[in-house]
N, C-alpha and C. Protein backbone atom coordinates (compact mmCIF):
# COMPACT_ATOMS: atom_id res chain seq x y z
N MET A 1 31.33 -40.22 9.83
CA MET A 1 31.07 -38.87 10.33
C MET A 1 29.60 -38.77 10.73
N THR A 2 29.35 -38.34 11.94
CA THR A 2 27.97 -38.21 12.42
C THR A 2 27.48 -36.81 12.21
N GLU A 3 26.16 -36.73 12.00
CA GLU A 3 25.55 -35.41 11.78
C GLU A 3 25.31 -34.72 13.11
N ASN A 4 25.50 -33.44 13.11
CA ASN A 4 25.21 -32.64 14.29
C ASN A 4 23.70 -32.43 14.35
N PRO A 5 23.02 -32.92 15.42
CA PRO A 5 21.57 -32.78 15.48
C PRO A 5 21.10 -31.34 15.59
N HIS A 6 21.99 -30.43 15.95
CA HIS A 6 21.62 -29.02 16.09
C HIS A 6 21.82 -28.23 14.80
N GLN A 7 22.49 -28.86 13.84
CA GLN A 7 22.72 -28.17 12.57
C GLN A 7 21.50 -28.36 11.67
N ARG A 8 20.99 -27.27 11.17
CA ARG A 8 19.81 -27.31 10.31
C ARG A 8 20.20 -27.81 8.93
N LYS A 9 19.33 -28.69 8.39
CA LYS A 9 19.54 -29.16 7.02
C LYS A 9 19.34 -27.99 6.08
N LYS A 10 20.17 -27.93 5.07
CA LYS A 10 20.01 -26.87 4.08
C LYS A 10 18.93 -27.29 3.09
N GLU A 11 17.92 -26.49 3.00
CA GLU A 11 16.81 -26.72 2.06
C GLU A 11 16.62 -25.43 1.28
N PRO A 12 17.45 -25.22 0.25
CA PRO A 12 17.46 -23.93 -0.43
C PRO A 12 16.12 -23.50 -1.00
N GLN A 13 15.35 -24.42 -1.57
CA GLN A 13 14.06 -24.03 -2.15
C GLN A 13 13.08 -23.58 -1.07
N ILE A 14 13.08 -24.27 0.04
CA ILE A 14 12.17 -23.89 1.14
C ILE A 14 12.58 -22.54 1.71
N ILE A 15 13.87 -22.33 1.87
CA ILE A 15 14.36 -21.05 2.40
C ILE A 15 14.04 -19.92 1.41
N ARG A 16 14.26 -20.17 0.12
CA ARG A 16 13.97 -19.15 -0.90
C ARG A 16 12.49 -18.77 -0.86
N GLN A 17 11.61 -19.77 -0.80
CA GLN A 17 10.17 -19.50 -0.73
C GLN A 17 9.81 -18.73 0.53
N SER A 18 10.43 -19.09 1.64
CA SER A 18 10.17 -18.39 2.89
C SER A 18 10.60 -16.92 2.80
N ILE A 19 11.73 -16.69 2.16
CA ILE A 19 12.21 -15.31 1.97
C ILE A 19 11.19 -14.53 1.15
N LEU A 20 10.70 -15.12 0.05
CA LEU A 20 9.72 -14.44 -0.80
C LEU A 20 8.42 -14.18 -0.05
N GLN A 21 7.93 -15.17 0.69
CA GLN A 21 6.68 -14.99 1.43
C GLN A 21 6.80 -13.92 2.50
N HIS A 22 7.95 -13.87 3.18
CA HIS A 22 8.12 -12.84 4.20
C HIS A 22 8.32 -11.46 3.59
N ALA A 23 8.93 -11.40 2.41
CA ALA A 23 9.04 -10.11 1.70
C ALA A 23 7.64 -9.62 1.33
N MET A 24 6.77 -10.54 0.86
CA MET A 24 5.38 -10.17 0.54
C MET A 24 4.65 -9.69 1.79
N GLN A 25 4.87 -10.37 2.90
CA GLN A 25 4.23 -9.97 4.16
C GLN A 25 4.63 -8.54 4.53
N LEU A 26 5.92 -8.24 4.44
CA LEU A 26 6.38 -6.88 4.76
C LEU A 26 5.82 -5.86 3.78
N ALA A 27 5.80 -6.20 2.48
CA ALA A 27 5.27 -5.27 1.48
C ALA A 27 3.80 -5.01 1.73
N ALA A 28 3.04 -6.04 2.14
CA ALA A 28 1.62 -5.87 2.42
C ALA A 28 1.40 -4.99 3.65
N GLN A 29 2.28 -5.12 4.63
CA GLN A 29 2.12 -4.35 5.87
C GLN A 29 2.68 -2.94 5.77
N LYS A 30 3.83 -2.79 5.11
CA LYS A 30 4.56 -1.53 5.18
C LYS A 30 4.88 -0.90 3.83
N GLY A 31 4.47 -1.54 2.75
CA GLY A 31 4.82 -1.04 1.43
C GLY A 31 6.22 -1.47 1.06
N VAL A 32 6.61 -1.17 -0.16
CA VAL A 32 7.90 -1.62 -0.68
C VAL A 32 9.07 -1.04 0.12
N ASN A 33 8.92 0.17 0.65
CA ASN A 33 9.99 0.77 1.44
C ASN A 33 10.19 0.07 2.77
N GLY A 34 9.18 -0.68 3.22
CA GLY A 34 9.29 -1.42 4.47
C GLY A 34 9.99 -2.76 4.32
N VAL A 35 10.33 -3.11 3.10
CA VAL A 35 11.02 -4.38 2.86
C VAL A 35 12.52 -4.11 2.87
N SER A 36 13.18 -4.60 3.89
CA SER A 36 14.64 -4.51 3.94
C SER A 36 15.21 -5.92 4.03
N ILE A 37 16.43 -6.08 3.59
CA ILE A 37 17.08 -7.38 3.64
C ILE A 37 17.15 -7.86 5.10
N GLN A 38 17.49 -6.95 6.01
CA GLN A 38 17.61 -7.34 7.41
C GLN A 38 16.26 -7.76 7.99
N ALA A 39 15.20 -7.02 7.67
CA ALA A 39 13.88 -7.37 8.19
C ALA A 39 13.43 -8.73 7.67
N VAL A 40 13.68 -8.99 6.40
CA VAL A 40 13.32 -10.29 5.82
C VAL A 40 14.15 -11.39 6.48
N ALA A 41 15.44 -11.16 6.63
CA ALA A 41 16.32 -12.15 7.27
C ALA A 41 15.84 -12.47 8.68
N ASP A 42 15.47 -11.43 9.43
CA ASP A 42 14.99 -11.64 10.80
C ASP A 42 13.72 -12.49 10.83
N LEU A 43 12.79 -12.21 9.91
CA LEU A 43 11.53 -12.97 9.87
C LEU A 43 11.76 -14.43 9.47
N VAL A 44 12.68 -14.65 8.54
CA VAL A 44 12.94 -16.01 8.05
C VAL A 44 13.79 -16.79 9.05
N GLY A 45 14.63 -16.08 9.81
CA GLY A 45 15.53 -16.76 10.75
C GLY A 45 16.84 -17.14 10.10
N VAL A 46 17.28 -16.30 9.14
CA VAL A 46 18.58 -16.50 8.50
C VAL A 46 19.36 -15.21 8.62
N THR A 47 20.61 -15.25 8.21
CA THR A 47 21.42 -14.04 8.21
C THR A 47 21.15 -13.24 6.94
N LYS A 48 21.62 -11.99 6.94
CA LYS A 48 21.51 -11.20 5.71
C LYS A 48 22.23 -11.90 4.57
N GLY A 49 23.36 -12.52 4.89
CA GLY A 49 24.10 -13.28 3.89
C GLY A 49 23.28 -14.42 3.32
N GLY A 50 22.42 -15.01 4.16
CA GLY A 50 21.53 -16.08 3.70
C GLY A 50 20.53 -15.56 2.68
N VAL A 51 20.04 -14.34 2.90
CA VAL A 51 19.13 -13.73 1.93
C VAL A 51 19.90 -13.40 0.65
N PHE A 52 21.10 -12.82 0.81
CA PHE A 52 21.91 -12.47 -0.37
C PHE A 52 22.34 -13.70 -1.17
N HIS A 53 22.40 -14.86 -0.52
CA HIS A 53 22.73 -16.09 -1.23
C HIS A 53 21.67 -16.39 -2.30
N HIS A 54 20.42 -16.04 -2.00
CA HIS A 54 19.31 -16.31 -2.92
C HIS A 54 18.99 -15.12 -3.83
N PHE A 55 19.22 -13.91 -3.32
CA PHE A 55 18.89 -12.68 -4.06
C PHE A 55 20.06 -11.71 -3.88
N PRO A 56 20.74 -11.34 -4.98
CA PRO A 56 21.95 -10.52 -4.85
C PRO A 56 21.73 -9.12 -4.30
N ASN A 57 20.50 -8.60 -4.39
CA ASN A 57 20.22 -7.27 -3.85
C ASN A 57 18.72 -7.13 -3.62
N LYS A 58 18.33 -6.04 -3.01
CA LYS A 58 16.92 -5.81 -2.69
C LYS A 58 16.06 -5.74 -3.94
N GLN A 59 16.55 -5.12 -5.00
CA GLN A 59 15.77 -5.00 -6.24
C GLN A 59 15.43 -6.38 -6.80
N LYS A 60 16.41 -7.29 -6.81
CA LYS A 60 16.17 -8.65 -7.31
C LYS A 60 15.19 -9.38 -6.41
N LEU A 61 15.27 -9.16 -5.11
CA LEU A 61 14.32 -9.77 -4.18
C LEU A 61 12.91 -9.26 -4.48
N LEU A 62 12.77 -7.96 -4.66
CA LEU A 62 11.45 -7.39 -4.93
C LEU A 62 10.91 -7.85 -6.29
N GLU A 63 11.77 -7.92 -7.29
CA GLU A 63 11.33 -8.41 -8.60
C GLU A 63 10.85 -9.86 -8.50
N SER A 64 11.61 -10.67 -7.78
CA SER A 64 11.22 -12.08 -7.60
C SER A 64 9.93 -12.18 -6.81
N MET A 65 9.74 -11.28 -5.84
CA MET A 65 8.52 -11.25 -5.06
C MET A 65 7.31 -10.97 -5.96
N VAL A 66 7.45 -10.00 -6.86
CA VAL A 66 6.36 -9.65 -7.77
C VAL A 66 6.06 -10.82 -8.71
N ILE A 67 7.10 -11.44 -9.26
CA ILE A 67 6.90 -12.59 -10.15
C ILE A 67 6.19 -13.71 -9.40
N CYS A 68 6.62 -13.99 -8.19
CA CYS A 68 5.98 -15.03 -7.37
C CYS A 68 4.52 -14.68 -7.10
N LEU A 69 4.26 -13.43 -6.80
CA LEU A 69 2.89 -12.99 -6.55
C LEU A 69 2.02 -13.18 -7.79
N LEU A 70 2.54 -12.81 -8.95
CA LEU A 70 1.77 -12.97 -10.18
C LEU A 70 1.53 -14.44 -10.50
N GLU A 71 2.47 -15.30 -10.16
CA GLU A 71 2.26 -16.74 -10.33
C GLU A 71 1.14 -17.22 -9.41
N GLN A 72 1.13 -16.74 -8.17
CA GLN A 72 0.05 -17.09 -7.24
C GLN A 72 -1.28 -16.55 -7.74
N LEU A 73 -1.24 -15.34 -8.29
CA LEU A 73 -2.46 -14.73 -8.83
C LEU A 73 -3.00 -15.55 -10.00
N ASP A 74 -2.11 -16.06 -10.84
CA ASP A 74 -2.53 -16.93 -11.94
C ASP A 74 -3.31 -18.14 -11.42
N VAL A 75 -2.83 -18.72 -10.34
CA VAL A 75 -3.50 -19.89 -9.76
C VAL A 75 -4.91 -19.52 -9.32
N VAL A 76 -5.05 -18.37 -8.66
CA VAL A 76 -6.36 -17.92 -8.18
C VAL A 76 -7.28 -17.61 -9.37
N ILE A 77 -6.76 -16.88 -10.35
CA ILE A 77 -7.54 -16.54 -11.54
C ILE A 77 -8.01 -17.81 -12.25
N ASP A 78 -7.09 -18.76 -12.44
CA ASP A 78 -7.45 -20.01 -13.12
C ASP A 78 -8.51 -20.78 -12.33
N ARG A 79 -8.42 -20.76 -11.01
CA ARG A 79 -9.43 -21.43 -10.19
C ARG A 79 -10.79 -20.76 -10.35
N LEU A 80 -10.82 -19.43 -10.32
CA LEU A 80 -12.08 -18.71 -10.47
C LEU A 80 -12.69 -18.97 -11.86
N ILE A 81 -11.85 -19.00 -12.88
CA ILE A 81 -12.35 -19.28 -14.23
C ILE A 81 -12.89 -20.70 -14.32
N ALA A 82 -12.19 -21.66 -13.71
CA ALA A 82 -12.64 -23.06 -13.74
C ALA A 82 -13.98 -23.23 -13.03
N GLU A 83 -14.23 -22.41 -12.01
CA GLU A 83 -15.49 -22.49 -11.26
C GLU A 83 -16.64 -21.75 -11.96
N ASP A 84 -16.32 -20.97 -12.98
CA ASP A 84 -17.32 -20.17 -13.69
C ASP A 84 -18.03 -21.04 -14.73
N ASP A 85 -19.34 -21.06 -14.71
CA ASP A 85 -20.07 -21.91 -15.66
C ASP A 85 -20.34 -21.22 -17.00
N GLN A 86 -19.93 -19.98 -17.15
CA GLN A 86 -20.09 -19.23 -18.41
C GLN A 86 -18.71 -18.87 -18.94
N SER A 87 -18.46 -19.16 -20.20
CA SER A 87 -17.14 -18.82 -20.76
C SER A 87 -17.05 -17.33 -21.11
N TYR A 88 -18.16 -16.75 -21.64
CA TYR A 88 -18.13 -15.34 -22.00
C TYR A 88 -17.88 -14.49 -20.76
N GLY A 89 -16.82 -13.70 -20.78
CA GLY A 89 -16.51 -12.79 -19.68
C GLY A 89 -15.87 -13.45 -18.47
N CYS A 90 -15.45 -14.71 -18.60
CA CYS A 90 -14.92 -15.43 -17.43
C CYS A 90 -13.69 -14.75 -16.83
N PHE A 91 -12.76 -14.27 -17.68
CA PHE A 91 -11.59 -13.59 -17.15
C PHE A 91 -11.99 -12.26 -16.52
N THR A 92 -12.91 -11.55 -17.14
CA THR A 92 -13.33 -10.25 -16.59
C THR A 92 -13.96 -10.43 -15.21
N ARG A 93 -14.79 -11.46 -15.05
CA ARG A 93 -15.39 -11.70 -13.73
C ARG A 93 -14.31 -12.03 -12.69
N ALA A 94 -13.34 -12.86 -13.09
CA ALA A 94 -12.25 -13.20 -12.17
C ALA A 94 -11.42 -11.95 -11.86
N TYR A 95 -11.18 -11.12 -12.87
CA TYR A 95 -10.41 -9.89 -12.69
C TYR A 95 -11.13 -8.94 -11.72
N ILE A 96 -12.42 -8.78 -11.90
CA ILE A 96 -13.19 -7.91 -11.01
C ILE A 96 -13.13 -8.47 -9.58
N GLU A 97 -13.27 -9.76 -9.47
CA GLU A 97 -13.23 -10.40 -8.15
C GLU A 97 -11.91 -10.12 -7.44
N ILE A 98 -10.79 -10.34 -8.13
CA ILE A 98 -9.49 -10.13 -7.47
C ILE A 98 -9.17 -8.66 -7.28
N THR A 99 -9.64 -7.83 -8.19
CA THR A 99 -9.35 -6.40 -8.10
C THR A 99 -10.04 -5.75 -6.91
N LEU A 100 -11.26 -6.20 -6.61
CA LEU A 100 -12.04 -5.53 -5.58
C LEU A 100 -12.08 -6.29 -4.26
N GLU A 101 -11.12 -7.16 -4.04
CA GLU A 101 -10.97 -7.84 -2.76
C GLU A 101 -9.63 -7.46 -2.16
N LYS A 102 -9.63 -7.11 -0.89
CA LYS A 102 -8.37 -6.80 -0.23
C LYS A 102 -7.60 -8.06 0.10
N GLN A 103 -8.31 -9.11 0.42
CA GLN A 103 -7.71 -10.39 0.76
C GLN A 103 -8.29 -11.44 -0.16
N ILE A 104 -7.46 -12.12 -0.92
CA ILE A 104 -7.94 -13.10 -1.88
C ILE A 104 -7.61 -14.48 -1.37
N HIS A 105 -8.62 -15.34 -1.34
CA HIS A 105 -8.39 -16.71 -0.92
C HIS A 105 -7.37 -17.35 -1.86
N GLY A 106 -6.33 -17.89 -1.30
CA GLY A 106 -5.28 -18.49 -2.11
C GLY A 106 -4.01 -17.65 -2.13
N LEU A 107 -4.13 -16.38 -1.78
CA LEU A 107 -2.94 -15.54 -1.63
C LEU A 107 -2.73 -15.31 -0.14
N LYS A 108 -1.50 -15.44 0.29
CA LYS A 108 -1.23 -15.40 1.72
C LYS A 108 -1.29 -14.00 2.33
N HIS A 109 -1.09 -13.00 1.52
CA HIS A 109 -1.01 -11.64 2.07
C HIS A 109 -1.98 -10.71 1.36
N SER A 110 -2.09 -9.53 1.87
CA SER A 110 -3.06 -8.58 1.35
C SER A 110 -2.78 -8.24 -0.11
N TRP A 111 -3.69 -8.67 -0.98
CA TRP A 111 -3.55 -8.42 -2.42
C TRP A 111 -3.58 -6.93 -2.71
N SER A 112 -4.48 -6.19 -2.09
CA SER A 112 -4.62 -4.77 -2.42
C SER A 112 -3.35 -3.99 -2.09
N ALA A 113 -2.73 -4.30 -0.96
CA ALA A 113 -1.51 -3.59 -0.58
C ALA A 113 -0.36 -3.92 -1.53
N ILE A 114 -0.24 -5.19 -1.89
CA ILE A 114 0.85 -5.58 -2.77
C ILE A 114 0.61 -5.08 -4.19
N SER A 115 -0.65 -5.05 -4.61
CA SER A 115 -0.93 -4.56 -5.96
C SER A 115 -0.57 -3.08 -6.07
N MET A 116 -0.75 -2.32 -5.00
CA MET A 116 -0.34 -0.91 -5.01
C MET A 116 1.17 -0.81 -5.18
N THR A 117 1.91 -1.74 -4.57
CA THR A 117 3.37 -1.77 -4.73
C THR A 117 3.74 -1.91 -6.19
N MET A 118 3.00 -2.77 -6.91
CA MET A 118 3.32 -2.99 -8.31
C MET A 118 3.08 -1.74 -9.15
N LEU A 119 2.19 -0.88 -8.71
CA LEU A 119 1.88 0.32 -9.50
C LEU A 119 2.75 1.51 -9.14
N THR A 120 3.44 1.46 -8.00
CA THR A 120 4.22 2.62 -7.58
C THR A 120 5.66 2.58 -8.06
N ASP A 121 6.09 1.48 -8.65
CA ASP A 121 7.45 1.36 -9.15
C ASP A 121 7.38 0.97 -10.62
N LYS A 122 8.09 1.70 -11.47
CA LYS A 122 8.02 1.47 -12.91
C LYS A 122 8.36 0.03 -13.28
N THR A 123 9.39 -0.54 -12.66
CA THR A 123 9.78 -1.91 -12.98
C THR A 123 8.66 -2.88 -12.66
N PHE A 124 8.06 -2.72 -11.47
CA PHE A 124 6.99 -3.62 -11.06
C PHE A 124 5.75 -3.40 -11.92
N ASN A 125 5.53 -2.16 -12.31
CA ASN A 125 4.39 -1.83 -13.15
C ASN A 125 4.51 -2.55 -14.50
N GLU A 126 5.71 -2.63 -15.02
CA GLU A 126 5.92 -3.33 -16.30
C GLU A 126 5.60 -4.81 -16.17
N TYR A 127 5.93 -5.42 -15.03
CA TYR A 127 5.56 -6.82 -14.80
C TYR A 127 4.04 -6.97 -14.82
N TRP A 128 3.34 -6.04 -14.16
CA TRP A 128 1.89 -6.08 -14.11
C TRP A 128 1.29 -5.95 -15.51
N ILE A 129 1.78 -4.97 -16.26
CA ILE A 129 1.26 -4.74 -17.62
C ILE A 129 1.49 -5.97 -18.49
N ASP A 130 2.70 -6.54 -18.41
CA ASP A 130 2.99 -7.75 -19.19
C ASP A 130 2.07 -8.90 -18.79
N TRP A 131 1.85 -9.05 -17.48
CA TRP A 131 0.97 -10.12 -16.99
C TRP A 131 -0.45 -9.92 -17.54
N LEU A 132 -0.97 -8.70 -17.38
CA LEU A 132 -2.34 -8.42 -17.81
C LEU A 132 -2.49 -8.60 -19.33
N ASN A 133 -1.53 -8.10 -20.09
CA ASN A 133 -1.61 -8.25 -21.55
C ASN A 133 -1.58 -9.72 -21.96
N ALA A 134 -0.76 -10.53 -21.29
CA ALA A 134 -0.71 -11.96 -21.60
C ALA A 134 -2.04 -12.64 -21.26
N ARG A 135 -2.64 -12.25 -20.13
CA ARG A 135 -3.93 -12.84 -19.76
C ARG A 135 -5.01 -12.40 -20.75
N LEU A 136 -5.01 -11.15 -21.15
CA LEU A 136 -6.01 -10.67 -22.11
C LEU A 136 -5.85 -11.37 -23.46
N GLN A 137 -4.62 -11.59 -23.87
CA GLN A 137 -4.39 -12.30 -25.12
C GLN A 137 -4.88 -13.75 -25.00
N CYS A 138 -4.61 -14.37 -23.86
CA CYS A 138 -5.05 -15.74 -23.62
C CYS A 138 -6.57 -15.87 -23.65
N HIS A 139 -7.26 -14.82 -23.18
CA HIS A 139 -8.72 -14.85 -23.08
C HIS A 139 -9.40 -13.98 -24.14
N ALA A 140 -8.73 -13.78 -25.25
CA ALA A 140 -9.26 -12.91 -26.31
C ALA A 140 -10.61 -13.40 -26.83
N GLU A 141 -10.80 -14.70 -26.91
CA GLU A 141 -12.08 -15.22 -27.43
C GLU A 141 -13.25 -14.93 -26.50
N THR A 142 -12.99 -14.91 -25.20
CA THR A 142 -14.08 -14.76 -24.22
C THR A 142 -14.20 -13.35 -23.64
N ASP A 143 -13.15 -12.54 -23.73
CA ASP A 143 -13.14 -11.29 -22.97
C ASP A 143 -12.67 -10.07 -23.75
N ALA A 144 -12.76 -10.11 -25.08
CA ALA A 144 -12.25 -8.99 -25.89
C ALA A 144 -13.29 -7.90 -26.14
N ASP A 145 -14.57 -8.13 -25.81
CA ASP A 145 -15.61 -7.13 -26.08
C ASP A 145 -15.34 -5.82 -25.35
N MET A 146 -15.69 -4.72 -26.01
CA MET A 146 -15.50 -3.39 -25.44
C MET A 146 -16.24 -3.24 -24.11
N GLU A 147 -17.44 -3.80 -23.99
CA GLU A 147 -18.21 -3.69 -22.75
C GLU A 147 -17.44 -4.31 -21.58
N LEU A 148 -16.79 -5.45 -21.83
CA LEU A 148 -16.01 -6.11 -20.78
C LEU A 148 -14.77 -5.29 -20.42
N LYS A 149 -14.17 -4.67 -21.42
CA LYS A 149 -13.01 -3.81 -21.17
C LYS A 149 -13.42 -2.63 -20.29
N ILE A 150 -14.55 -2.03 -20.58
CA ILE A 150 -15.05 -0.91 -19.77
C ILE A 150 -15.30 -1.36 -18.34
N LEU A 151 -15.85 -2.55 -18.16
CA LEU A 151 -16.11 -3.07 -16.81
C LEU A 151 -14.80 -3.30 -16.04
N ARG A 152 -13.77 -3.78 -16.73
CA ARG A 152 -12.46 -3.96 -16.07
C ARG A 152 -11.89 -2.60 -15.66
N TYR A 153 -12.02 -1.60 -16.55
CA TYR A 153 -11.56 -0.26 -16.20
C TYR A 153 -12.35 0.31 -15.02
N ALA A 154 -13.63 0.06 -14.99
CA ALA A 154 -14.45 0.52 -13.86
C ALA A 154 -13.96 -0.12 -12.56
N ALA A 155 -13.64 -1.41 -12.62
CA ALA A 155 -13.12 -2.10 -11.44
C ALA A 155 -11.81 -1.47 -10.99
N ASP A 156 -10.95 -1.10 -11.95
CA ASP A 156 -9.69 -0.43 -11.61
C ASP A 156 -9.95 0.89 -10.89
N GLY A 157 -10.95 1.63 -11.36
CA GLY A 157 -11.28 2.91 -10.73
C GLY A 157 -11.79 2.72 -9.30
N ILE A 158 -12.63 1.73 -9.11
CA ILE A 158 -13.14 1.44 -7.77
C ILE A 158 -11.99 0.98 -6.87
N TRP A 159 -11.10 0.16 -7.43
CA TRP A 159 -9.93 -0.30 -6.69
C TRP A 159 -9.11 0.87 -6.16
N LEU A 160 -8.96 1.90 -7.00
CA LEU A 160 -8.18 3.05 -6.59
C LEU A 160 -8.78 3.74 -5.36
N THR A 161 -10.10 3.75 -5.26
CA THR A 161 -10.72 4.37 -4.07
C THR A 161 -10.45 3.57 -2.80
N MET A 162 -10.04 2.31 -2.96
CA MET A 162 -9.73 1.50 -1.78
C MET A 162 -8.52 2.06 -1.03
N PHE A 163 -7.73 2.91 -1.67
CA PHE A 163 -6.55 3.49 -1.05
C PHE A 163 -6.77 4.92 -0.59
N THR A 164 -8.01 5.35 -0.61
CA THR A 164 -8.33 6.69 -0.14
C THR A 164 -9.21 6.59 1.07
N GLU A 165 -9.47 7.69 1.68
CA GLU A 165 -10.34 7.72 2.85
C GLU A 165 -11.81 7.68 2.48
N VAL A 166 -12.13 7.71 1.20
CA VAL A 166 -13.54 7.78 0.79
C VAL A 166 -14.17 6.42 0.53
N GLU A 167 -13.39 5.34 0.65
CA GLU A 167 -13.96 4.03 0.36
C GLU A 167 -15.05 3.66 1.36
N ASP A 168 -16.15 3.23 0.84
CA ASP A 168 -17.25 2.70 1.63
C ASP A 168 -17.32 1.20 1.29
N VAL A 169 -16.94 0.36 2.24
CA VAL A 169 -16.83 -1.08 1.99
C VAL A 169 -18.13 -1.67 1.48
N SER A 170 -19.25 -1.27 2.05
CA SER A 170 -20.53 -1.82 1.60
C SER A 170 -20.85 -1.36 0.18
N GLU A 171 -20.49 -0.11 -0.15
CA GLU A 171 -20.70 0.37 -1.52
C GLU A 171 -19.79 -0.38 -2.50
N THR A 172 -18.56 -0.63 -2.10
CA THR A 172 -17.64 -1.39 -2.96
C THR A 172 -18.22 -2.77 -3.25
N SER A 173 -18.78 -3.39 -2.24
CA SER A 173 -19.39 -4.72 -2.41
C SER A 173 -20.55 -4.67 -3.40
N VAL A 174 -21.40 -3.66 -3.27
CA VAL A 174 -22.54 -3.49 -4.19
C VAL A 174 -22.05 -3.25 -5.61
N LEU A 175 -21.05 -2.39 -5.75
CA LEU A 175 -20.50 -2.08 -7.07
C LEU A 175 -19.87 -3.32 -7.71
N LYS A 176 -19.16 -4.10 -6.90
CA LYS A 176 -18.55 -5.32 -7.42
C LYS A 176 -19.62 -6.26 -7.96
N LYS A 177 -20.68 -6.47 -7.20
CA LYS A 177 -21.78 -7.34 -7.65
C LYS A 177 -22.41 -6.81 -8.94
N GLU A 178 -22.56 -5.50 -9.02
CA GLU A 178 -23.16 -4.90 -10.22
C GLU A 178 -22.24 -5.08 -11.44
N LEU A 179 -20.94 -4.85 -11.26
CA LEU A 179 -20.01 -5.04 -12.37
C LEU A 179 -20.04 -6.48 -12.87
N ILE A 180 -20.01 -7.42 -11.93
CA ILE A 180 -20.05 -8.83 -12.32
C ILE A 180 -21.35 -9.15 -13.04
N ALA A 181 -22.47 -8.65 -12.53
CA ALA A 181 -23.76 -8.88 -13.19
C ALA A 181 -23.74 -8.32 -14.61
N ARG A 182 -23.10 -7.19 -14.81
CA ARG A 182 -23.05 -6.59 -16.14
C ARG A 182 -22.20 -7.38 -17.12
N THR A 183 -21.30 -8.22 -16.63
CA THR A 183 -20.52 -9.06 -17.56
C THR A 183 -21.44 -10.05 -18.26
N TYR A 184 -22.51 -10.45 -17.59
CA TYR A 184 -23.49 -11.36 -18.22
C TYR A 184 -24.42 -10.56 -19.14
N ARG A 185 -24.81 -9.36 -18.70
CA ARG A 185 -25.68 -8.52 -19.52
C ARG A 185 -24.99 -8.09 -20.80
N ALA A 186 -23.68 -7.87 -20.74
CA ALA A 186 -22.93 -7.47 -21.93
C ALA A 186 -23.07 -8.54 -23.01
N LYS A 187 -23.07 -9.80 -22.60
CA LYS A 187 -23.24 -10.89 -23.55
C LYS A 187 -24.64 -10.83 -24.16
N ALA A 188 -25.64 -10.67 -23.31
CA ALA A 188 -27.03 -10.62 -23.80
C ALA A 188 -27.20 -9.44 -24.75
N GLU A 189 -26.65 -8.27 -24.40
CA GLU A 189 -26.78 -7.08 -25.24
C GLU A 189 -26.05 -7.26 -26.57
N SER A 190 -24.92 -7.99 -26.57
CA SER A 190 -24.20 -8.18 -27.83
C SER A 190 -25.00 -9.08 -28.77
N PHE A 191 -25.79 -10.02 -28.21
CA PHE A 191 -26.65 -10.85 -29.06
C PHE A 191 -27.82 -10.04 -29.60
N ILE A 192 -28.33 -9.13 -28.81
CA ILE A 192 -29.47 -8.30 -29.23
C ILE A 192 -29.07 -7.37 -30.37
N SER A 193 -27.85 -6.79 -30.27
CA SER A 193 -27.43 -5.81 -31.26
C SER A 193 -27.00 -6.44 -32.58
N VAL A 194 -26.85 -7.75 -32.63
CA VAL A 194 -26.41 -8.43 -33.86
C VAL A 194 -27.48 -8.51 -34.88
């Protein structure tokens, strides 16, 4: 039996990854409501049935998209931590970096847009909270100080302004640099107060 040269080889893992990446692209551009099975199928070049073969419904597709995104985020966070020459506050610096960037090197789509998606749906929000709590537990030795927690909360507040009309990009950049600088000062101050 000869193979039909026009018939595409089935590569389920590649197709599944393509579906997830295109779902992320749509979520970054249009929000979670802009992600439809048909739109994803059209972008990937498969039928709706092809998408349903990998994900039984839109909710499962979106949940898998968030899990995939958090896995990609772990890779970026781990890279930033590995590049950091100071262990104290290393996760907080990486967190501030990813929180206050709209586009993160290593993530294919707009981090800020997708992160908003995770906060607007209770299910996705739970994934985010679980991810953050696991990372904080993992970095308890280096990032448990109250000063670092306050700096992470400050970054979250600045991040929120990125979705309003009041964001000043140059001010956000200055604030990000200041927050990161304070992660080092927090260490120095904790030694002084001892």
